[in-house]
Amino acid sequence: MNAKQSLKAASKRIEDLEDWNNKAKHDIKAYNACIDGVIAGQCSFCDWCEEQRLGECERPEKGTGCSGWWLMDNPVVKLPEEGDETDGATENLGKGILSASPAGGE
């Protein structure tokens, strides 16, 4: 492998790692938003479940999550900007959107 090939491979690897980090960061924010909403009593784990979103849930009566729970694919987590009001943060719940508390920051 010559220097040019090596540089191209390294560049591709960095791009892949950056993509993976961005996805992991998004998932972490979504998990935290889900947990914050459940603790605050604004939603249940089922509201954030992929099977519930797809209509494939076999335990819809449970309402509190289950051992088969998994985070909805690509939920949109909107973090409020500084000075934004957070009341009504769950108005889009069920669509995968929940404003998380800004306490954790980025």
PDB file of N, CA and C in Angstrom:
ATOM      1  N   MET A   1       0.854  -1.163   0.000  1.00  0.00           N
ATOM      2  CA  MET A   1       0.000   0.000   0.000  1.00  0.00           C
ATOM      3  C   MET A   1       0.908   1.235   0.000  1.00  0.00           C
ATOM      4  N   ASN A   2       0.674   2.108  -0.952  1.00  0.00           N
ATOM      5  CA  ASN A   2       1.502   3.308  -1.008  1.00  0.00           C
ATOM      6  C   ASN A   2       0.897   4.399  -0.108  1.00  0.00           C
ATOM      7  N   ALA A   3       1.581   5.523  -0.035  1.00  0.00           N
ATOM      8  CA  ALA A   3       1.167   6.614   0.856  1.00  0.00           C
ATOM      9  C   ALA A   3      -0.220   7.157   0.489  1.00  0.00           C
ATOM     10  N   LYS A   4      -0.489   7.267  -0.805  1.00  0.00           N
ATOM     11  CA  LYS A   4      -1.783   7.799  -1.240  1.00  0.00           C
ATOM     12  C   LYS A   4      -2.921   6.866  -0.835  1.00  0.00           C
ATOM     13  N   GLN A   5      -2.726   5.572  -1.021  1.00  0.00           N
ATOM     14  CA  GLN A   5      -3.737   4.592  -0.632  1.00  0.00           C
ATOM     15  C   GLN A   5      -3.935   4.581   0.880  1.00  0.00           C
ATOM     16  N   SER A   6      -2.829   4.687   1.590  1.00  0.00           N
ATOM     17  CA  SER A   6      -2.874   4.703   3.042  1.00  0.00           C
ATOM     18  C   SER A   6      -3.638   5.927   3.554  1.00  0.00           C
ATOM     19  N   LEU A   7      -3.376   7.073   2.958  1.00  0.00           N
ATOM     20  CA  LEU A   7      -4.059   8.302   3.339  1.00  0.00           C
ATOM     21  C   LEU A   7      -5.559   8.199   3.051  1.00  0.00           C
ATOM     22  N   LYS A   8      -5.899   7.625   1.902  1.00  0.00           N
ATOM     23  CA  LYS A   8      -7.306   7.460   1.537  1.00  0.00           C
ATOM     24  C   LYS A   8      -8.010   6.516   2.514  1.00  0.00           C
ATOM     25  N   ALA A   9      -7.353   5.415   2.885  1.00  0.00           N
ATOM     26  CA  ALA A   9      -7.926   4.460   3.829  1.00  0.00           C
ATOM     27  C   ALA A   9      -8.104   5.102   5.207  1.00  0.00           C
ATOM     28  N   ALA A  10      -7.120   5.872   5.639  1.00  0.00           N
ATOM     29  CA  ALA A  10      -7.206   6.539   6.933  1.00  0.00           C
ATOM     30  C   ALA A  10      -8.324   7.577   6.928  1.00  0.00           C
ATOM     31  N   SER A  11      -8.466   8.303   5.836  1.00  0.00           N
ATOM     32  CA  SER A  11      -9.513   9.308   5.716  1.00  0.00           C
ATOM     33  C   SER A  11     -10.893   8.654   5.786  1.00  0.00           C
ATOM     34  N   LYS A  12     -11.056   7.526   5.110  1.00  0.00           N
ATOM     35  CA  LYS A  12     -12.319   6.803   5.120  1.00  0.00           C
ATOM     36  C   LYS A  12     -12.625   6.290   6.530  1.00  0.00           C
ATOM     37  N   ARG A  13     -11.603   5.787   7.204  1.00  0.00           N
ATOM     38  CA  ARG A  13     -11.773   5.274   8.572  1.00  0.00           C
ATOM     39  C   ARG A  13     -12.201   6.403   9.515  1.00  0.00           C
ATOM     40  N   ILE A  14     -11.590   7.551   9.395  1.00  0.00           N
ATOM     41  CA  ILE A  14     -11.958   8.705  10.222  1.00  0.00           C
ATOM     42  C   ILE A  14     -13.398   9.112   9.950  1.00  0.00           C
ATOM     43  N   GLU A  15     -13.780   9.136   8.691  1.00  0.00           N
ATOM     44  CA  GLU A  15     -15.160   9.479   8.319  1.00  0.00           C
ATOM     45  C   GLU A  15     -16.145   8.484   8.927  1.00  0.00           C
ATOM     46  N   ASP A  16     -15.815   7.195   8.869  1.00  0.00           N
ATOM     47  CA  ASP A  16     -16.681   6.162   9.451  1.00  0.00           C
ATOM     48  C   ASP A  16     -16.799   6.328  10.964  1.00  0.00           C
ATOM     49  N   LEU A  17     -15.691   6.625  11.628  1.00  0.00           N
ATOM     50  CA  LEU A  17     -15.711   6.807  13.072  1.00  0.00           C
ATOM     51  C   LEU A  17     -16.499   8.052  13.469  1.00  0.00           C
ATOM     52  N   GLU A  18     -16.374   9.114  12.720  1.00  0.00           N
ATOM     53  CA  GLU A  18     -17.142  10.325  12.992  1.00  0.00           C
ATOM     54  C   GLU A  18     -18.637  10.060  12.835  1.00  0.00           C
ATOM     55  N   ASP A  19     -19.003   9.310  11.813  1.00  0.00           N
ATOM     56  CA  ASP A  19     -20.399   8.948  11.596  1.00  0.00           C
ATOM     57  C   ASP A  19     -20.917   8.110  12.766  1.00  0.00           C
ATOM     58  N   TRP A  20     -20.130   7.129  13.182  1.00  0.00           N
ATOM     59  CA  TRP A  20     -20.516   6.277  14.304  1.00  0.00           C
ATOM     60  C   TRP A  20     -20.667   7.110  15.576  1.00  0.00           C
ATOM     61  N   ASN A  21     -19.739   8.024  15.826  1.00  0.00           N
ATOM     62  CA  ASN A  21     -19.815   8.887  17.011  1.00  0.00           C
ATOM     63  C   ASN A  21     -21.061   9.758  16.990  1.00  0.00           C
ATOM     64  N   ASN A  22     -21.413  10.305  15.832  1.00  0.00           N
ATOM     65  CA  ASN A  22     -22.614  11.129  15.724  1.00  0.00           C
ATOM     66  C   ASN A  22     -23.869  10.326  16.008  1.00  0.00           C
ATOM     67  N   LYS A  23     -23.916   9.093  15.491  1.00  0.00           N
ATOM     68  CA  LYS A  23     -25.075   8.233  15.756  1.00  0.00           C
ATOM     69  C   LYS A  23     -25.156   7.861  17.229  1.00  0.00           C
ATOM     70  N   ALA A  24     -24.017   7.555  17.836  1.00  0.00           N
ATOM     71  CA  ALA A  24     -23.996   7.207  19.256  1.00  0.00           C
ATOM     72  C   ALA A  24     -24.421   8.401  20.106  1.00  0.00           C
ATOM     73  N   LYS A  25     -23.952   9.582  19.755  1.00  0.00           N
ATOM     74  CA  LYS A  25     -24.324  10.807  20.477  1.00  0.00           C
ATOM     75  C   LYS A  25     -25.832  11.030  20.399  1.00  0.00           C
ATOM     76  N   HIS A  26     -26.402  10.828  19.225  1.00  0.00           N
ATOM     77  CA  HIS A  26     -27.848  10.988  19.036  1.00  0.00           C
ATOM     78  C   HIS A  26     -28.611   9.965  19.871  1.00  0.00           C
ATOM     79  N   ASP A  27     -28.167   8.707  19.869  1.00  0.00           N
ATOM     80  CA  ASP A  27     -28.828   7.669  20.655  1.00  0.00           C
ATOM     81  C   ASP A  27     -28.764   7.982  22.149  1.00  0.00           C
ATOM     82  N   ILE A  28     -27.618   8.439  22.619  1.00  0.00           N
ATOM     83  CA  ILE A  28     -27.465   8.767  24.036  1.00  0.00           C
ATOM     84  C   ILE A  28     -28.429   9.883  24.427  1.00  0.00           C
ATOM     85  N   LYS A  29     -28.536  10.903  23.590  1.00  0.00           N
ATOM     86  CA  LYS A  29     -29.476  11.993  23.866  1.00  0.00           C
ATOM     87  C   LYS A  29     -30.915  11.475  23.873  1.00  0.00           C
ATOM     88  N   ALA A  30     -31.238  10.568  22.965  1.00  0.00           N
ATOM     89  CA  ALA A  30     -32.592  10.010  22.906  1.00  0.00           C
ATOM     90  C   ALA A  30     -32.889   9.177  24.147  1.00  0.00           C
ATOM     91  N   TYR A  31     -31.946   8.319  24.560  1.00  0.00           N
ATOM     92  CA  TYR A  31     -32.140   7.531  25.775  1.00  0.00           C
ATOM     93  C   TYR A  31     -32.343   8.442  26.981  1.00  0.00           C
ATOM     94  N   ASN A  32     -31.523   9.488  27.085  1.00  0.00           N
ATOM     95  CA  ASN A  32     -31.647  10.418  28.211  1.00  0.00           C
ATOM     96  C   ASN A  32     -32.982  11.155  28.185  1.00  0.00           C
ATOM     97  N   ALA A  33     -33.422  11.578  27.006  1.00  0.00           N
ATOM     98  CA  ALA A  33     -34.713  12.259  26.887  1.00  0.00           C
ATOM     99  C   ALA A  33     -35.851  11.315  27.274  1.00  0.00           C
ATOM    100  N   CYS A  34     -35.759  10.067  26.863  1.00  0.00           N
ATOM    101  CA  CYS A  34     -36.764   9.066  27.213  1.00  0.00           C
ATOM    102  C   CYS A  34     -36.812   8.884  28.726  1.00  0.00           C
ATOM    103  N   ILE A  35     -35.665   8.692  29.338  1.00  0.00           N
ATOM    104  CA  ILE A  35     -35.600   8.480  30.786  1.00  0.00           C
ATOM    105  C   ILE A  35     -36.106   9.709  31.532  1.00  0.00           C
ATOM    106  N   ASP A  36     -35.701  10.900  31.093  1.00  0.00           N
ATOM    107  CA  ASP A  36     -36.181  12.142  31.728  1.00  0.00           C
ATOM    108  C   ASP A  36     -37.700  12.237  31.663  1.00  0.00           C
ATOM    109  N   GLY A  37     -38.285  11.904  30.513  1.00  0.00           N
ATOM    110  CA  GLY A  37     -39.735  11.962  30.352  1.00  0.00           C
ATOM    111  C   GLY A  37     -40.453  10.966  31.233  1.00  0.00           C
ATOM    112  N   VAL A  38     -39.893   9.771  31.370  1.00  0.00           N
ATOM    113  CA  VAL A  38     -40.506   8.745  32.215  1.00  0.00           C
ATOM    114  C   VAL A  38     -40.419   9.159  33.679  1.00  0.00           C
ATOM    115  N   ILE A  39     -39.268   9.651  34.103  1.00  0.00           N
ATOM    116  CA  ILE A  39     -39.105  10.091  35.492  1.00  0.00           C
ATOM    117  C   ILE A  39     -40.067  11.229  35.813  1.00  0.00           C
ATOM    118  N   ALA A  40     -40.236  12.154  34.873  1.00  0.00           N
ATOM    119  CA  ALA A  40     -41.135  13.293  35.084  1.00  0.00           C
ATOM    120  C   ALA A  40     -42.608  12.902  34.960  1.00  0.00           C
ATOM    121  N   GLY A  41     -42.881  11.662  34.568  1.00  0.00           N
ATOM    122  CA  GLY A  41     -44.258  11.202  34.428  1.00  0.00           C
ATOM    123  C   GLY A  41     -44.938  11.722  33.167  1.00  0.00           C
ATOM    124  N   GLN A  42     -44.176  12.169  32.195  1.00  0.00           N
ATOM    125  CA  GLN A  42     -44.730  12.738  30.973  1.00  0.00           C
ATOM    126  C   GLN A  42     -44.950  11.701  29.883  1.00  0.00           C
ATOM    127  N   CYS A  43     -44.334  10.536  30.009  1.00  0.00           N
ATOM    128  CA  CYS A  43     -44.472   9.502  28.984  1.00  0.00           C
ATOM    129  C   CYS A  43     -44.102   8.157  29.595  1.00  0.00           C
ATOM    130  N   SER A  44     -44.222   7.111  28.801  1.00  0.00           N
ATOM    131  CA  SER A  44     -43.782   5.787  29.228  1.00  0.00           C
ATOM    132  C   SER A  44     -42.702   5.311  28.264  1.00  0.00           C
ATOM    133  N   PHE A  45     -42.019   4.269  28.642  1.00  0.00           N
ATOM    134  CA  PHE A  45     -41.005   3.713  27.757  1.00  0.00           C
ATOM    135  C   PHE A  45     -41.624   3.245  26.441  1.00  0.00           C
ATOM    136  N   CYS A  46     -42.863   2.809  26.509  1.00  0.00           N
ATOM    137  CA  CYS A  46     -43.546   2.329  25.305  1.00  0.00           C
ATOM    138  C   CYS A  46     -43.665   3.426  24.243  1.00  0.00           C
ATOM    139  N   ASP A  47     -43.761   4.680  24.679  1.00  0.00           N
ATOM    140  CA  ASP A  47     -43.853   5.783  23.725  1.00  0.00           C
ATOM    141  C   ASP A  47     -42.590   5.921  22.875  1.00  0.00           C
ATOM    142  N   TRP A  48     -41.494   5.376  23.356  1.00  0.00           N
ATOM    143  CA  TRP A  48     -40.205   5.489  22.669  1.00  0.00           C
ATOM    144  C   TRP A  48     -39.777   4.168  22.023  1.00  0.00           C
ATOM    145  N   CYS A  49     -40.645   3.166  22.026  1.00  0.00           N
ATOM    146  CA  CYS A  49     -40.284   1.836  21.541  1.00  0.00           C
ATOM    147  C   CYS A  49     -40.490   1.705  20.028  1.00  0.00           C
ATOM    148  N   GLU A  50     -39.535   1.094  19.376  1.00  0.00           N
ATOM    149  CA  GLU A  50     -39.601   0.881  17.929  1.00  0.00           C
ATOM    150  C   GLU A  50     -40.770  -0.030  17.553  1.00  0.00           C
ATOM    151  N   GLU A  51     -41.002  -1.076  18.333  1.00  0.00           N
ATOM    152  CA  GLU A  51     -42.114  -1.970  18.028  1.00  0.00           C
ATOM    153  C   GLU A  51     -43.452  -1.252  18.138  1.00  0.00           C
ATOM    154  N   GLN A  52     -43.568  -0.355  19.100  1.00  0.00           N
ATOM    155  CA  GLN A  52     -44.799   0.434  19.244  1.00  0.00           C
ATOM    156  C   GLN A  52     -44.971   1.330  18.020  1.00  0.00           C
ATOM    157  N   ARG A  53     -43.888   1.961  17.570  1.00  0.00           N
ATOM    158  CA  ARG A  53     -43.938   2.845  16.403  1.00  0.00           C
ATOM    159  C   ARG A  53     -44.364   2.085  15.153  1.00  0.00           C
ATOM    160  N   LEU A  54     -43.862   0.866  15.010  1.00  0.00           N
ATOM    161  CA  LEU A  54     -44.174   0.054  13.839  1.00  0.00           C
ATOM    162  C   LEU A  54     -45.528  -0.643  13.950  1.00  0.00           C
ATOM    163  N   GLY A  55     -46.138  -0.582  15.128  1.00  0.00           N
ATOM    164  CA  GLY A  55     -47.412  -1.267  15.344  1.00  0.00           C
ATOM    165  C   GLY A  55     -47.247  -2.761  15.502  1.00  0.00           C
ATOM    166  N   GLU A  56     -46.069  -3.198  15.886  1.00  0.00           N
ATOM    167  CA  GLU A  56     -45.780  -4.624  16.032  1.00  0.00           C
ATOM    168  C   GLU A  56     -45.676  -5.062  17.488  1.00  0.00           C
ATOM    169  N   CYS A  57     -46.071  -4.182  18.412  1.00  0.00           N
ATOM    170  CA  CYS A  57     -45.959  -4.496  19.838  1.00  0.00           C
ATOM    171  C   CYS A  57     -46.915  -5.622  20.203  1.00  0.00           C
ATOM    172  N   GLU A  58     -46.382  -6.626  20.888  1.00  0.00           N
ATOM    173  CA  GLU A  58     -47.203  -7.755  21.319  1.00  0.00           C
ATOM    174  C   GLU A  58     -47.730  -7.551  22.728  1.00  0.00           C
ATOM    175  N   ARG A  59     -47.312  -6.478  23.399  1.00  0.00           N
ATOM    176  CA  ARG A  59     -47.748  -6.206  24.758  1.00  0.00           C
ATOM    177  C   ARG A  59     -48.249  -4.765  24.907  1.00  0.00           C
ATOM    178  N   PRO A  60     -49.199  -4.324  24.078  1.00  0.00           N
ATOM    179  CA  PRO A  60     -49.628  -2.928  24.137  1.00  0.00           C
ATOM    180  C   PRO A  60     -50.285  -2.545  25.466  1.00  0.00           C
ATOM    181  N   GLU A  61     -50.805  -3.533  26.197  1.00  0.00           N
ATOM    182  CA  GLU A  61     -51.458  -3.236  27.463  1.00  0.00           C
ATOM    183  C   GLU A  61     -50.460  -2.952  28.575  1.00  0.00           C
ATOM    184  N   LYS A  62     -49.205  -3.330  28.386  1.00  0.00           N
ATOM    185  CA  LYS A  62     -48.188  -3.172  29.423  1.00  0.00           C
ATOM    186  C   LYS A  62     -47.990  -1.694  29.767  1.00  0.00           C
ATOM    187  N   GLY A  63     -47.639  -0.859  28.799  1.00  0.00           N
ATOM    188  CA  GLY A  63     -47.527   0.576  29.012  1.00  0.00           C
ATOM    189  C   GLY A  63     -46.317   1.056  29.775  1.00  0.00           C
ATOM    190  N   THR A  64     -45.545   0.145  30.347  1.00  0.00           N
ATOM    191  CA  THR A  64     -44.394   0.559  31.140  1.00  0.00           C
ATOM    192  C   THR A  64     -43.073   0.048  30.579  1.00  0.00           C
ATOM    193  N   GLY A  65     -43.103  -0.443  29.381  1.00  0.00           N
ATOM    194  CA  GLY A  65     -41.905  -1.032  28.810  1.00  0.00           C
ATOM    195  C   GLY A  65     -41.847  -2.507  29.156  1.00  0.00           C
ATOM    196  N   CYS A  66     -40.927  -3.211  28.538  1.00  0.00           N
ATOM    197  CA  CYS A  66     -40.803  -4.642  28.789  1.00  0.00           C
ATOM    198  C   CYS A  66     -39.383  -5.081  28.472  1.00  0.00           C
ATOM    199  N   SER A  67     -39.108  -6.352  28.630  1.00  0.00           N
ATOM    200  CA  SER A  67     -37.761  -6.856  28.379  1.00  0.00           C
ATOM    201  C   SER A  67     -37.399  -6.803  26.893  1.00  0.00           C
ATOM    202  N   GLY A  68     -38.400  -6.699  26.013  1.00  0.00           N
ATOM    203  CA  GLY A  68     -38.148  -6.616  24.579  1.00  0.00           C
ATOM    204  C   GLY A  68     -38.076  -5.193  24.060  1.00  0.00           C
ATOM    205  N   TRP A  69     -38.060  -4.210  24.968  1.00  0.00           N
ATOM    206  CA  TRP A  69     -38.055  -2.796  24.580  1.00  0.00           C
ATOM    207  C   TRP A  69     -36.770  -2.438  23.849  1.00  0.00           C
ATOM    208  N   TRP A  70     -36.913  -1.644  22.796  1.00  0.00           N
ATOM    209  CA  TRP A  70     -35.735  -1.100  22.116  1.00  0.00           C
ATOM    210  C   TRP A  70     -36.058   0.277  21.587  1.00  0.00           C
ATOM    211  N   LEU A  71     -35.086   1.151  21.660  1.00  0.00           N
ATOM    212  CA  LEU A  71     -35.271   2.550  21.299  1.00  0.00           C
ATOM    213  C   LEU A  71     -35.704   2.684  19.857  1.00  0.00           C
ATOM    214  N   MET A  72     -36.689   3.506  19.649  1.00  0.00           N
ATOM    215  CA  MET A  72     -37.211   3.784  18.316  1.00  0.00           C
ATOM    216  C   MET A  72     -36.068   4.187  17.385  1.00  0.00           C
ATOM    217  N   ASP A  73     -36.123   3.709  16.167  1.00  0.00           N
ATOM    218  CA  ASP A  73     -35.092   4.001  15.180  1.00  0.00           C
ATOM    219  C   ASP A  73     -35.167   5.465  14.774  1.00  0.00           C
ATOM    220  N   ASN A  74     -34.076   6.169  14.933  1.00  0.00           N
ATOM    221  CA  ASN A  74     -33.953   7.584  14.560  1.00  0.00           C
ATOM    222  C   ASN A  74     -34.994   8.500  15.186  1.00  0.00           C
ATOM    223  N   PRO A  75     -35.155   8.436  16.525  1.00  0.00           N
ATOM    224  CA  PRO A  75     -36.072   9.409  17.127  1.00  0.00           C
ATOM    225  C   PRO A  75     -35.451  10.793  17.031  1.00  0.00           C
ATOM    226  N   VAL A  76     -36.285  11.791  16.889  1.00  0.00           N
ATOM    227  CA  VAL A  76     -35.793  13.162  16.810  1.00  0.00           C
ATOM    228  C   VAL A  76     -35.852  13.747  18.212  1.00  0.00           C
ATOM    229  N   VAL A  77     -34.707  14.113  18.742  1.00  0.00           N
ATOM    230  CA  VAL A  77     -34.628  14.701  20.068  1.00  0.00           C
ATOM    231  C   VAL A  77     -34.240  16.151  19.897  1.00  0.00           C
ATOM    232  N   LYS A  78     -35.150  17.035  20.253  1.00  0.00           N
ATOM    233  CA  LYS A  78     -34.897  18.467  20.108  1.00  0.00           C
ATOM    234  C   LYS A  78     -34.489  19.019  21.460  1.00  0.00           C
ATOM    235  N   LEU A  79     -33.272  19.511  21.547  1.00  0.00           N
ATOM    236  CA  LEU A  79     -32.813  20.134  22.773  1.00  0.00           C
ATOM    237  C   LEU A  79     -33.163  21.609  22.725  1.00  0.00           C
ATOM    238  N   PRO A  80     -33.746  22.127  23.806  1.00  0.00           N
ATOM    239  CA  PRO A  80     -34.128  23.534  23.795  1.00  0.00           C
ATOM    240  C   PRO A  80     -32.908  24.449  23.779  1.00  0.00           C
ATOM    241  N   GLU A  81     -33.069  25.564  23.118  1.00  0.00           N
ATOM    242  CA  GLU A  81     -32.025  26.578  23.114  1.00  0.00           C
ATOM    243  C   GLU A  81     -32.080  27.324  24.439  1.00  0.00           C
ATOM    244  N   GLU A  82     -31.013  27.965  24.800  1.00  0.00           N
ATOM    245  CA  GLU A  82     -30.977  28.726  26.043  1.00  0.00           C
ATOM    246  C   GLU A  82     -32.066  29.797  26.026  1.00  0.00           C
ATOM    247  N   GLY A  83     -32.842  29.866  27.087  1.00  0.00           N
ATOM    248  CA  GLY A  83     -33.919  30.846  27.179  1.00  0.00           C
ATOM    249  C   GLY A  83     -35.258  30.320  26.684  1.00  0.00           C
ATOM    250  N   ASP A  84     -35.276  29.165  26.006  1.00  0.00           N
ATOM    251  CA  ASP A  84     -36.536  28.583  25.535  1.00  0.00           C
ATOM    252  C   ASP A  84     -37.336  28.059  26.716  1.00  0.00           C
ATOM    253  N   GLU A  85     -38.636  28.116  26.590  1.00  0.00           N
ATOM    254  CA  GLU A  85     -39.521  27.523  27.584  1.00  0.00           C
ATOM    255  C   GLU A  85     -39.573  26.024  27.325  1.00  0.00           C
ATOM    256  N   THR A  86     -39.561  25.216  28.381  1.00  0.00           N
ATOM    257  CA  THR A  86     -39.621  23.767  28.205  1.00  0.00           C
ATOM    258  C   THR A  86     -41.002  23.217  28.521  1.00  0.00           C
ATOM    259  N   ASP A  87     -41.952  24.060  28.955  1.00  0.00           N
ATOM    260  CA  ASP A  87     -43.314  23.586  29.198  1.00  0.00           C
ATOM    261  C   ASP A  87     -43.910  23.104  27.878  1.00  0.00           C
ATOM    262  N   GLY A  88     -44.669  22.031  27.943  1.00  0.00           N
ATOM    263  CA  GLY A  88     -45.268  21.496  26.725  1.00  0.00           C
ATOM    264  C   GLY A  88     -44.253  20.741  25.883  1.00  0.00           C
ATOM    265  N   ALA A  89     -43.179  20.306  26.521  1.00  0.00           N
ATOM    266  CA  ALA A  89     -42.108  19.637  25.787  1.00  0.00           C
ATOM    267  C   ALA A  89     -42.554  18.313  25.191  1.00  0.00           C
ATOM    268  N   THR A  90     -43.628  17.751  25.691  1.00  0.00           N
ATOM    269  CA  THR A  90     -44.060  16.443  25.201  1.00  0.00           C
ATOM    270  C   THR A  90     -45.203  16.548  24.205  1.00  0.00           C
ATOM    271  N   GLU A  91     -45.457  17.727  23.678  1.00  0.00           N
ATOM    272  CA  GLU A  91     -46.581  17.872  22.750  1.00  0.00           C
ATOM    273  C   GLU A  91     -46.432  17.007  21.512  1.00  0.00           C
ATOM    274  N   ASN A  92     -45.209  16.655  21.146  1.00  0.00           N
ATOM    275  CA  ASN A  92     -44.984  15.824  19.969  1.00  0.00           C
ATOM    276  C   ASN A  92     -44.651  14.381  20.331  1.00  0.00           C
ATOM    277  N   LEU A  93     -44.862  14.015  21.595  1.00  0.00           N
ATOM    278  CA  LEU A  93     -44.555  12.676  22.033  1.00  0.00           C
ATOM    279  C   LEU A  93     -45.366  11.665  21.236  1.00  0.00           C
ATOM    280  N   GLY A  94     -44.757  10.552  20.951  1.00  0.00           N
ATOM    281  CA  GLY A  94     -45.410   9.563  20.111  1.00  0.00           C
ATOM    282  C   GLY A  94     -44.938   9.708  18.680  1.00  0.00           C
ATOM    283  N   LYS A  95     -44.390  10.863  18.362  1.00  0.00           N
ATOM    284  CA  LYS A  95     -43.769  11.080  17.062  1.00  0.00           C
ATOM    285  C   LYS A  95     -42.260  10.989  17.208  1.00  0.00           C
ATOM    286  N   GLY A  96     -41.803  10.656  18.433  1.00  0.00           N
ATOM    287  CA  GLY A  96     -40.377  10.509  18.677  1.00  0.00           C
ATOM    288  C   GLY A  96     -39.695  11.815  19.009  1.00  0.00           C
ATOM    289  N   ILE A  97     -40.446  12.834  19.400  1.00  0.00           N
ATOM    290  CA  ILE A  97     -39.836  14.123  19.694  1.00  0.00           C
ATOM    291  C   ILE A  97     -40.108  14.474  21.145  1.00  0.00           C
ATOM    292  N   LEU A  98     -39.077  14.817  21.855  1.00  0.00           N
ATOM    293  CA  LEU A  98     -39.203  15.238  23.242  1.00  0.00           C
ATOM    294  C   LEU A  98     -38.076  16.202  23.539  1.00  0.00           C
ATOM    295  N   SER A  99     -38.385  17.348  24.081  1.00  0.00           N
ATOM    296  CA  SER A  99     -37.350  18.302  24.442  1.00  0.00           C
ATOM    297  C   SER A  99     -36.734  17.849  25.752  1.00  0.00           C
ATOM    298  N   ALA A 100     -35.448  17.670  25.748  1.00  0.00           N
ATOM    299  CA  ALA A 100     -34.748  17.235  26.946  1.00  0.00           C
ATOM    300  C   ALA A 100     -34.322  18.437  27.758  1.00  0.00           C
ATOM    301  N   SER A 101     -34.104  18.192  29.009  1.00  0.00           N
ATOM    302  CA  SER A 101     -33.640  19.244  29.900  1.00  0.00           C
ATOM    303  C   SER A 101     -32.249  19.710  29.474  1.00  0.00           C
ATOM    304  N   PRO A 102     -31.993  21.017  29.487  1.00  0.00           N
ATOM    305  CA  PRO A 102     -30.679  21.504  29.093  1.00  0.00           C
ATOM    306  C   PRO A 102     -29.633  21.324  30.163  1.00  0.00           C
ATOM    307  N   ALA A 103     -29.972  20.691  31.287  1.00  0.00           N
ATOM    308  CA  ALA A 103     -29.044  20.556  32.399  1.00  0.00           C
ATOM    309  C   ALA A 103     -27.768  19.819  32.016  1.00  0.00           C
ATOM    310  N   GLY A 104     -27.864  18.825  31.128  1.00  0.00           N
ATOM    311  CA  GLY A 104     -26.694  18.042  30.742  1.00  0.00           C
ATOM    312  C   GLY A 104     -25.795  18.748  29.766  1.00  0.00           C
ATOM    313  N   GLY A 105     -26.336  19.655  29.011  1.00  0.00           N
ATOM    314  CA  GLY A 105     -25.544  20.380  28.008  1.00  0.00           C
ATOM    315  C   GLY A 105     -25.075  19.476  26.899  1.00  0.00           C
ATOM    316  N   GLU A 106     -24.196  19.989  26.076  1.00  0.00           N
ATOM    317  CA  GLU A 106     -23.654  19.169  24.992  1.00  0.00           C
ATOM    318  C   GLU A 106     -22.208  18.908  25.214  1.00  0.00           C
TER     319      GLU A 106
END
